[in-house]
Amino acid sequence: MRLRTTLAIALFVPALVFAQSPFEPPAAKLQYAPDRQFDLLHVRVQLTVDYAARSFTGHVEDTIAPFKDNLETIDLHC
């Protein structure tokens, strides 16, 4: 019994080691973070939780410093 277990491990482990991970190319698509347009300096969050209704409402205020003087729009990713 011990020989069978050892043989099974010896055959199974190399298959795991050499199998391609789904997180490596070409199985996974490479993704890069977008170029930043600004520096996020401060985040203020006001959150009101209604436990009875199982809901919440909130307000977020961000303070930013743009990298360029002519910045007209910003993209927020969440």
PDB file of N, CA and C in Angstrom:
ATOM      1  N   MET A   1       0.830  -1.201   0.000  1.00  0.00           N
ATOM      2  CA  MET A   1       0.000   0.000   0.000  1.00  0.00           C
ATOM      3  C   MET A   1       0.867   1.254   0.000  1.00  0.00           C
ATOM      4  N   ARG A   2       1.920   1.237   0.761  1.00  0.00           N
ATOM      5  CA  ARG A   2       2.798   2.390   0.843  1.00  0.00           C
ATOM      6  C   ARG A   2       3.479   2.652  -0.502  1.00  0.00           C
ATOM      7  N   LEU A   3       3.831   1.600  -1.210  1.00  0.00           N
ATOM      8  CA  LEU A   3       4.474   1.740  -2.508  1.00  0.00           C
ATOM      9  C   LEU A   3       3.505   2.373  -3.510  1.00  0.00           C
ATOM     10  N   ARG A   4       2.234   1.965  -3.462  1.00  0.00           N
ATOM     11  CA  ARG A   4       1.240   2.540  -4.361  1.00  0.00           C
ATOM     12  C   ARG A   4       1.026   4.026  -4.086  1.00  0.00           C
ATOM     13  N   THR A   5       0.987   4.395  -2.825  1.00  0.00           N
ATOM     14  CA  THR A   5       0.815   5.798  -2.462  1.00  0.00           C
ATOM     15  C   THR A   5       2.001   6.625  -2.937  1.00  0.00           C
ATOM     16  N   THR A   6       3.204   6.114  -2.729  1.00  0.00           N
ATOM     17  CA  THR A   6       4.406   6.818  -3.163  1.00  0.00           C
ATOM     18  C   THR A   6       4.436   6.949  -4.672  1.00  0.00           C
ATOM     19  N   LEU A   7       4.061   5.898  -5.366  1.00  0.00           N
ATOM     20  CA  LEU A   7       4.033   5.926  -6.823  1.00  0.00           C
ATOM     21  C   LEU A   7       2.989   6.923  -7.334  1.00  0.00           C
ATOM     22  N   ALA A   8       1.831   6.960  -6.702  1.00  0.00           N
ATOM     23  CA  ALA A   8       0.779   7.886  -7.116  1.00  0.00           C
ATOM     24  C   ALA A   8       1.231   9.334  -6.916  1.00  0.00           C
ATOM     25  N   ILE A   9       1.893   9.613  -5.804  1.00  0.00           N
ATOM     26  CA  ILE A   9       2.393  10.971  -5.546  1.00  0.00           C
ATOM     27  C   ILE A   9       3.483  11.323  -6.547  1.00  0.00           C
ATOM     28  N   ALA A  10       4.361  10.388  -6.837  1.00  0.00           N
ATOM     29  CA  ALA A  10       5.461  10.635  -7.768  1.00  0.00           C
ATOM     30  C   ALA A  10       4.946  10.923  -9.177  1.00  0.00           C
ATOM     31  N   LEU A  11       3.830  10.362  -9.556  1.00  0.00           N
ATOM     32  CA  LEU A  11       3.275  10.606 -10.884  1.00  0.00           C
ATOM     33  C   LEU A  11       2.393  11.856 -10.930  1.00  0.00           C
ATOM     34  N   PHE A  12       1.743  12.179  -9.814  1.00  0.00           N
ATOM     35  CA  PHE A  12       0.781  13.263  -9.788  1.00  0.00           C
ATOM     36  C   PHE A  12       1.433  14.630  -9.565  1.00  0.00           C
ATOM     37  N   VAL A  13       2.426  14.724  -8.701  1.00  0.00           N
ATOM     38  CA  VAL A  13       3.048  16.004  -8.352  1.00  0.00           C
ATOM     39  C   VAL A  13       3.706  16.679  -9.556  1.00  0.00           C
ATOM     40  N   PRO A  14       4.483  15.977 -10.397  1.00  0.00           N
ATOM     41  CA  PRO A  14       5.056  16.669 -11.557  1.00  0.00           C
ATOM     42  C   PRO A  14       4.005  17.251 -12.498  1.00  0.00           C
ATOM     43  N   ALA A  15       2.866  16.611 -12.601  1.00  0.00           N
ATOM     44  CA  ALA A  15       1.800  17.142 -13.451  1.00  0.00           C
ATOM     45  C   ALA A  15       1.300  18.479 -12.905  1.00  0.00           C
ATOM     46  N   LEU A  16       1.262  18.638 -11.583  1.00  0.00           N
ATOM     47  CA  LEU A  16       0.852  19.902 -10.987  1.00  0.00           C
ATOM     48  C   LEU A  16       1.915  20.976 -11.168  1.00  0.00           C
ATOM     49  N   VAL A  17       3.162  20.595 -11.053  1.00  0.00           N
ATOM     50  CA  VAL A  17       4.243  21.562 -11.143  1.00  0.00           C
ATOM     51  C   VAL A  17       4.365  22.117 -12.557  1.00  0.00           C
ATOM     52  N   PHE A  18       4.219  21.285 -13.565  1.00  0.00           N
ATOM     53  CA  PHE A  18       4.416  21.711 -14.937  1.00  0.00           C
ATOM     54  C   PHE A  18       3.133  22.138 -15.640  1.00  0.00           C
ATOM     55  N   ALA A  19       2.008  22.029 -14.972  1.00  0.00           N
ATOM     56  CA  ALA A  19       0.748  22.471 -15.581  1.00  0.00           C
ATOM     57  C   ALA A  19       0.747  23.992 -15.669  1.00  0.00           C
ATOM     58  N   GLN A  20       0.197  24.522 -16.756  1.00  0.00           N
ATOM     59  CA  GLN A  20       0.159  25.968 -16.940  1.00  0.00           C
ATOM     60  C   GLN A  20      -0.897  26.577 -16.022  1.00  0.00           C
ATOM     61  N   SER A  21      -0.516  27.628 -15.363  1.00  0.00           N
ATOM     62  CA  SER A  21      -1.435  28.340 -14.491  1.00  0.00           C
ATOM     63  C   SER A  21      -2.404  29.159 -15.341  1.00  0.00           C
ATOM     64  N   PRO A  22      -3.673  29.273 -14.925  1.00  0.00           N
ATOM     65  CA  PRO A  22      -4.610  30.105 -15.689  1.00  0.00           C
ATOM     66  C   PRO A  22      -4.311  31.598 -15.540  1.00  0.00           C
ATOM     67  N   PHE A  23      -3.354  31.943 -14.668  1.00  0.00           N
ATOM     68  CA  PHE A  23      -3.007  33.342 -14.446  1.00  0.00           C
ATOM     69  C   PHE A  23      -1.740  33.756 -15.177  1.00  0.00           C
ATOM     70  N   GLU A  24      -1.214  32.905 -16.037  1.00  0.00           N
ATOM     71  CA  GLU A  24      -0.012  33.210 -16.804  1.00  0.00           C
ATOM     72  C   GLU A  24      -0.366  33.283 -18.287  1.00  0.00           C
ATOM     73  N   PRO A  25       0.346  34.126 -19.050  1.00  0.00           N
ATOM     74  CA  PRO A  25       0.094  34.187 -20.495  1.00  0.00           C
ATOM     75  C   PRO A  25       0.391  32.843 -21.139  1.00  0.00           C
ATOM     76  N   PRO A  26      -0.261  32.410 -22.152  1.00  0.00           N
ATOM     77  CA  PRO A  26      -1.303  33.109 -22.896  1.00  0.00           C
ATOM     78  C   PRO A  26      -2.702  32.879 -22.356  1.00  0.00           C
ATOM     79  N   ALA A  27      -2.860  32.093 -21.295  1.00  0.00           N
ATOM     80  CA  ALA A  27      -4.205  31.840 -20.764  1.00  0.00           C
ATOM     81  C   ALA A  27      -4.824  33.109 -20.184  1.00  0.00           C
ATOM     82  N   ALA A  28      -4.012  33.982 -19.626  1.00  0.00           N
ATOM     83  CA  ALA A  28      -4.519  35.225 -19.037  1.00  0.00           C
ATOM     84  C   ALA A  28      -4.109  36.413 -19.894  1.00  0.00           C
ATOM     85  N   LYS A  29      -4.982  37.377 -19.980  1.00  0.00           N
ATOM     86  CA  LYS A  29      -4.691  38.589 -20.725  1.00  0.00           C
ATOM     87  C   LYS A  29      -3.946  39.560 -19.804  1.00  0.00           C
ATOM     88  N   LEU A  30      -2.841  40.117 -20.284  1.00  0.00           N
ATOM     89  CA  LEU A  30      -2.106  41.088 -19.493  1.00  0.00           C
ATOM     90  C   LEU A  30      -2.898  42.382 -19.396  1.00  0.00           C
ATOM     91  N   GLN A  31      -2.999  42.926 -18.184  1.00  0.00           N
ATOM     92  CA  GLN A  31      -3.729  44.167 -17.962  1.00  0.00           C
ATOM     93  C   GLN A  31      -2.822  45.140 -17.219  1.00  0.00           C
ATOM     94  N   TYR A  32      -2.873  46.389 -17.613  1.00  0.00           N
ATOM     95  CA  TYR A  32      -2.049  47.415 -17.010  1.00  0.00           C
ATOM     96  C   TYR A  32      -2.934  48.515 -16.446  1.00  0.00           C
ATOM     97  N   ALA A  33      -2.484  49.121 -15.369  1.00  0.00           N
ATOM     98  CA  ALA A  33      -3.216  50.244 -14.785  1.00  0.00           C
ATOM     99  C   ALA A  33      -3.147  51.434 -15.735  1.00  0.00           C
ATOM    100  N   PRO A  34      -4.231  52.195 -15.843  1.00  0.00           N
ATOM    101  CA  PRO A  34      -4.201  53.378 -16.720  1.00  0.00           C
ATOM    102  C   PRO A  34      -3.266  54.445 -16.144  1.00  0.00           C
ATOM    103  N   ASP A  35      -2.781  55.312 -17.012  1.00  0.00           N
ATOM    104  CA  ASP A  35      -1.951  56.430 -16.564  1.00  0.00           C
ATOM    105  C   ASP A  35      -2.768  57.332 -15.651  1.00  0.00           C
ATOM    106  N   ARG A  36      -2.146  57.768 -14.581  1.00  0.00           N
ATOM    107  CA  ARG A  36      -2.849  58.634 -13.626  1.00  0.00           C
ATOM    108  C   ARG A  36      -2.866  60.070 -14.135  1.00  0.00           C
ATOM    109  N   GLN A  37      -3.987  60.740 -13.922  1.00  0.00           N
ATOM    110  CA  GLN A  37      -4.157  62.137 -14.323  1.00  0.00           C
ATOM    111  C   GLN A  37      -3.985  63.077 -13.134  1.00  0.00           C
ATOM    112  N   PHE A  38      -4.070  62.534 -11.920  1.00  0.00           N
ATOM    113  CA  PHE A  38      -4.041  63.355 -10.716  1.00  0.00           C
ATOM    114  C   PHE A  38      -3.551  62.525  -9.540  1.00  0.00           C
ATOM    115  N   ASP A  39      -3.216  63.230  -8.466  1.00  0.00           N
ATOM    116  CA  ASP A  39      -2.816  62.587  -7.223  1.00  0.00           C
ATOM    117  C   ASP A  39      -3.965  62.741  -6.235  1.00  0.00           C
ATOM    118  N   LEU A  40      -4.415  61.645  -5.668  1.00  0.00           N
ATOM    119  CA  LEU A  40      -5.502  61.681  -4.686  1.00  0.00           C
ATOM    120  C   LEU A  40      -4.902  62.014  -3.319  1.00  0.00           C
ATOM    121  N   LEU A  41      -5.263  63.182  -2.779  1.00  0.00           N
ATOM    122  CA  LEU A  41      -4.668  63.666  -1.536  1.00  0.00           C
ATOM    123  C   LEU A  41      -5.473  63.280  -0.298  1.00  0.00           C
ATOM    124  N   HIS A  42      -6.811  63.321  -0.414  1.00  0.00           N
ATOM    125  CA  HIS A  42      -7.644  63.067   0.759  1.00  0.00           C
ATOM    126  C   HIS A  42      -9.008  62.544   0.317  1.00  0.00           C
ATOM    127  N   VAL A  43      -9.568  61.640   1.099  1.00  0.00           N
ATOM    128  CA  VAL A  43     -10.913  61.114   0.845  1.00  0.00           C
ATOM    129  C   VAL A  43     -11.731  61.279   2.121  1.00  0.00           C
ATOM    130  N   ARG A  44     -12.881  61.917   1.990  1.00  0.00           N
ATOM    131  CA  ARG A  44     -13.805  62.066   3.119  1.00  0.00           C
ATOM    132  C   ARG A  44     -15.073  61.298   2.779  1.00  0.00           C
ATOM    133  N   VAL A  45     -15.474  60.387   3.660  1.00  0.00           N
ATOM    134  CA  VAL A  45     -16.656  59.549   3.433  1.00  0.00           C
ATOM    135  C   VAL A  45     -17.643  59.774   4.562  1.00  0.00           C
ATOM    136  N   GLN A  46     -18.877  60.111   4.205  1.00  0.00           N
ATOM    137  CA  GLN A  46     -19.968  60.203   5.171  1.00  0.00           C
ATOM    138  C   GLN A  46     -20.967  59.120   4.802  1.00  0.00           C
ATOM    139  N   LEU A  47     -21.209  58.210   5.712  1.00  0.00           N
ATOM    140  CA  LEU A  47     -22.064  57.059   5.430  1.00  0.00           C
ATOM    141  C   LEU A  47     -23.158  56.973   6.483  1.00  0.00           C
ATOM    142  N   THR A  48     -24.387  56.824   6.028  1.00  0.00           N
ATOM    143  CA  THR A  48     -25.533  56.628   6.919  1.00  0.00           C
ATOM    144  C   THR A  48     -26.106  55.241   6.639  1.00  0.00           C
ATOM    145  N   VAL A  49     -26.164  54.424   7.675  1.00  0.00           N
ATOM    146  CA  VAL A  49     -26.638  53.044   7.529  1.00  0.00           C
ATOM    147  C   VAL A  49     -28.032  52.934   8.132  1.00  0.00           C
ATOM    148  N   ASP A  50     -28.970  52.398   7.352  1.00  0.00           N
ATOM    149  CA  ASP A  50     -30.328  52.125   7.824  1.00  0.00           C
ATOM    150  C   ASP A  50     -30.441  50.616   7.990  1.00  0.00           C
ATOM    151  N   TYR A  51     -30.237  50.161   9.221  1.00  0.00           N
ATOM    152  CA  TYR A  51     -30.229  48.719   9.482  1.00  0.00           C
ATOM    153  C   TYR A  51     -31.596  48.088   9.265  1.00  0.00           C
ATOM    154  N   ALA A  52     -32.649  48.800   9.604  1.00  0.00           N
ATOM    155  CA  ALA A  52     -34.000  48.244   9.451  1.00  0.00           C
ATOM    156  C   ALA A  52     -34.332  47.988   7.989  1.00  0.00           C
ATOM    157  N   ALA A  53     -33.954  48.921   7.127  1.00  0.00           N
ATOM    158  CA  ALA A  53     -34.240  48.785   5.697  1.00  0.00           C
ATOM    159  C   ALA A  53     -33.118  48.052   4.952  1.00  0.00           C
ATOM    160  N   ARG A  54     -32.053  47.725   5.677  1.00  0.00           N
ATOM    161  CA  ARG A  54     -30.891  47.049   5.087  1.00  0.00           C
ATOM    162  C   ARG A  54     -30.364  47.838   3.881  1.00  0.00           C
ATOM    163  N   SER A  55     -30.164  49.140   4.103  1.00  0.00           N
ATOM    164  CA  SER A  55     -29.669  50.008   3.042  1.00  0.00           C
ATOM    165  C   SER A  55     -28.721  51.041   3.639  1.00  0.00           C
ATOM    166  N   PHE A  56     -28.066  51.760   2.752  1.00  0.00           N
ATOM    167  CA  PHE A  56     -27.199  52.833   3.206  1.00  0.00           C
ATOM    168  C   PHE A  56     -27.154  53.930   2.147  1.00  0.00           C
ATOM    169  N   THR A  57     -26.847  55.124   2.590  1.00  0.00           N
ATOM    170  CA  THR A  57     -26.631  56.264   1.709  1.00  0.00           C
ATOM    171  C   THR A  57     -25.324  56.917   2.134  1.00  0.00           C
ATOM    172  N   GLY A  58     -24.711  57.582   1.189  1.00  0.00           N
ATOM    173  CA  GLY A  58     -23.446  58.185   1.541  1.00  0.00           C
ATOM    174  C   GLY A  58     -23.043  59.311   0.623  1.00  0.00           C
ATOM    175  N   HIS A  59     -21.968  59.972   1.028  1.00  0.00           N
ATOM    176  CA  HIS A  59     -21.404  61.094   0.287  1.00  0.00           C
ATOM    177  C   HIS A  59     -19.891  60.958   0.380  1.00  0.00           C
ATOM    178  N   VAL A  60     -19.220  61.113  -0.753  1.00  0.00           N
ATOM    179  CA  VAL A  60     -17.764  61.035  -0.802  1.00  0.00           C
ATOM    180  C   VAL A  60     -17.219  62.335  -1.369  1.00  0.00           C
ATOM    181  N   GLU A  61     -16.203  62.856  -0.712  1.00  0.00           N
ATOM    182  CA  GLU A  61     -15.550  64.080  -1.165  1.00  0.00           C
ATOM    183  C   GLU A  61     -14.056  63.785  -1.321  1.00  0.00           C
ATOM    184  N   ASP A  62     -13.545  63.957  -2.546  1.00  0.00           N
ATOM    185  CA  ASP A  62     -12.136  63.690  -2.841  1.00  0.00           C
ATOM    186  C   ASP A  62     -11.395  65.003  -3.051  1.00  0.00           C
ATOM    187  N   THR A  63     -10.192  65.090  -2.509  1.00  0.00           N
ATOM    188  CA  THR A  63      -9.311  66.224  -2.765  1.00  0.00           C
ATOM    189  C   THR A  63      -8.179  65.719  -3.642  1.00  0.00           C
ATOM    190  N   ILE A  64      -7.999  66.366  -4.804  1.00  0.00           N
ATOM    191  CA  ILE A  64      -6.999  65.898  -5.753  1.00  0.00           C
ATOM    192  C   ILE A  64      -6.039  67.025  -6.127  1.00  0.00           C
ATOM    193  N   ALA A  65      -4.891  66.621  -6.656  1.00  0.00           N
ATOM    194  CA  ALA A  65      -3.924  67.564  -7.218  1.00  0.00           C
ATOM    195  C   ALA A  65      -3.624  67.090  -8.634  1.00  0.00           C
ATOM    196  N   PRO A  66      -4.074  67.822  -9.659  1.00  0.00           N
ATOM    197  CA  PRO A  66      -3.854  67.380 -11.041  1.00  0.00           C
ATOM    198  C   PRO A  66      -2.376  67.456 -11.415  1.00  0.00           C
ATOM    199  N   PHE A  67      -1.938  66.545 -12.277  1.00  0.00           N
ATOM    200  CA  PHE A  67      -0.561  66.537 -12.753  1.00  0.00           C
ATOM    201  C   PHE A  67      -0.334  67.560 -13.863  1.00  0.00           C
ATOM    202  N   LYS A  68      -1.397  67.938 -14.567  1.00  0.00           N
ATOM    203  CA  LYS A  68      -1.303  68.921 -15.655  1.00  0.00           C
ATOM    204  C   LYS A  68      -2.212  70.098 -15.343  1.00  0.00           C
ATOM    205  N   ASP A  69      -1.814  71.279 -15.773  1.00  0.00           N
ATOM    206  CA  ASP A  69      -2.612  72.485 -15.513  1.00  0.00           C
ATOM    207  C   ASP A  69      -3.921  72.500 -16.297  1.00  0.00           C
ATOM    208  N   ASN A  70      -3.959  71.886 -17.457  1.00  0.00           N
ATOM    209  CA  ASN A  70      -5.143  71.948 -18.314  1.00  0.00           C
ATOM    210  C   ASN A  70      -6.067  70.738 -18.145  1.00  0.00           C
ATOM    211  N   LEU A  71      -6.087  70.111 -17.000  1.00  0.00           N
ATOM    212  CA  LEU A  71      -6.952  68.949 -16.755  1.00  0.00           C
ATOM    213  C   LEU A  71      -8.410  69.388 -16.712  1.00  0.00           C
ATOM    214  N   GLU A  72      -9.229  68.853 -17.632  1.00  0.00           N
ATOM    215  CA  GLU A  72     -10.641  69.243 -17.724  1.00  0.00           C
ATOM    216  C   GLU A  72     -11.573  68.171 -17.175  1.00  0.00           C
ATOM    217  N   THR A  73     -11.225  66.914 -17.357  1.00  0.00           N
ATOM    218  CA  THR A  73     -12.062  65.826 -16.869  1.00  0.00           C
ATOM    219  C   THR A  73     -11.185  64.807 -16.153  1.00  0.00           C
ATOM    220  N   ILE A  74     -11.806  64.042 -15.249  1.00  0.00           N
ATOM    221  CA  ILE A  74     -11.096  62.961 -14.574  1.00  0.00           C
ATOM    222  C   ILE A  74     -11.925  61.691 -14.682  1.00  0.00           C
ATOM    223  N   ASP A  75     -11.250  60.561 -14.711  1.00  0.00           N
ATOM    224  CA  ASP A  75     -11.907  59.258 -14.741  1.00  0.00           C
ATOM    225  C   ASP A  75     -11.727  58.604 -13.385  1.00  0.00           C
ATOM    226  N   LEU A  76     -12.834  58.241 -12.747  1.00  0.00           N
ATOM    227  CA  LEU A  76     -12.797  57.557 -11.459  1.00  0.00           C
ATOM    228  C   LEU A  76     -13.126  56.096 -11.692  1.00  0.00           C
ATOM    229  N   HIS A  77     -12.257  55.219 -11.269  1.00  0.00           N
ATOM    230  CA  HIS A  77     -12.468  53.777 -11.393  1.00  0.00           C
ATOM    231  C   HIS A  77     -12.792  53.225 -10.011  1.00  0.00           C
ATOM    232  N   CYS A  78     -13.871  52.487  -9.925  1.00  0.00           N
ATOM    233  CA  CYS A  78     -14.219  51.915  -8.631  1.00  0.00           C
ATOM    234  C   CYS A  78     -14.638  50.476  -8.776  1.00  0.00           C
TER     235      CYS A  78
END
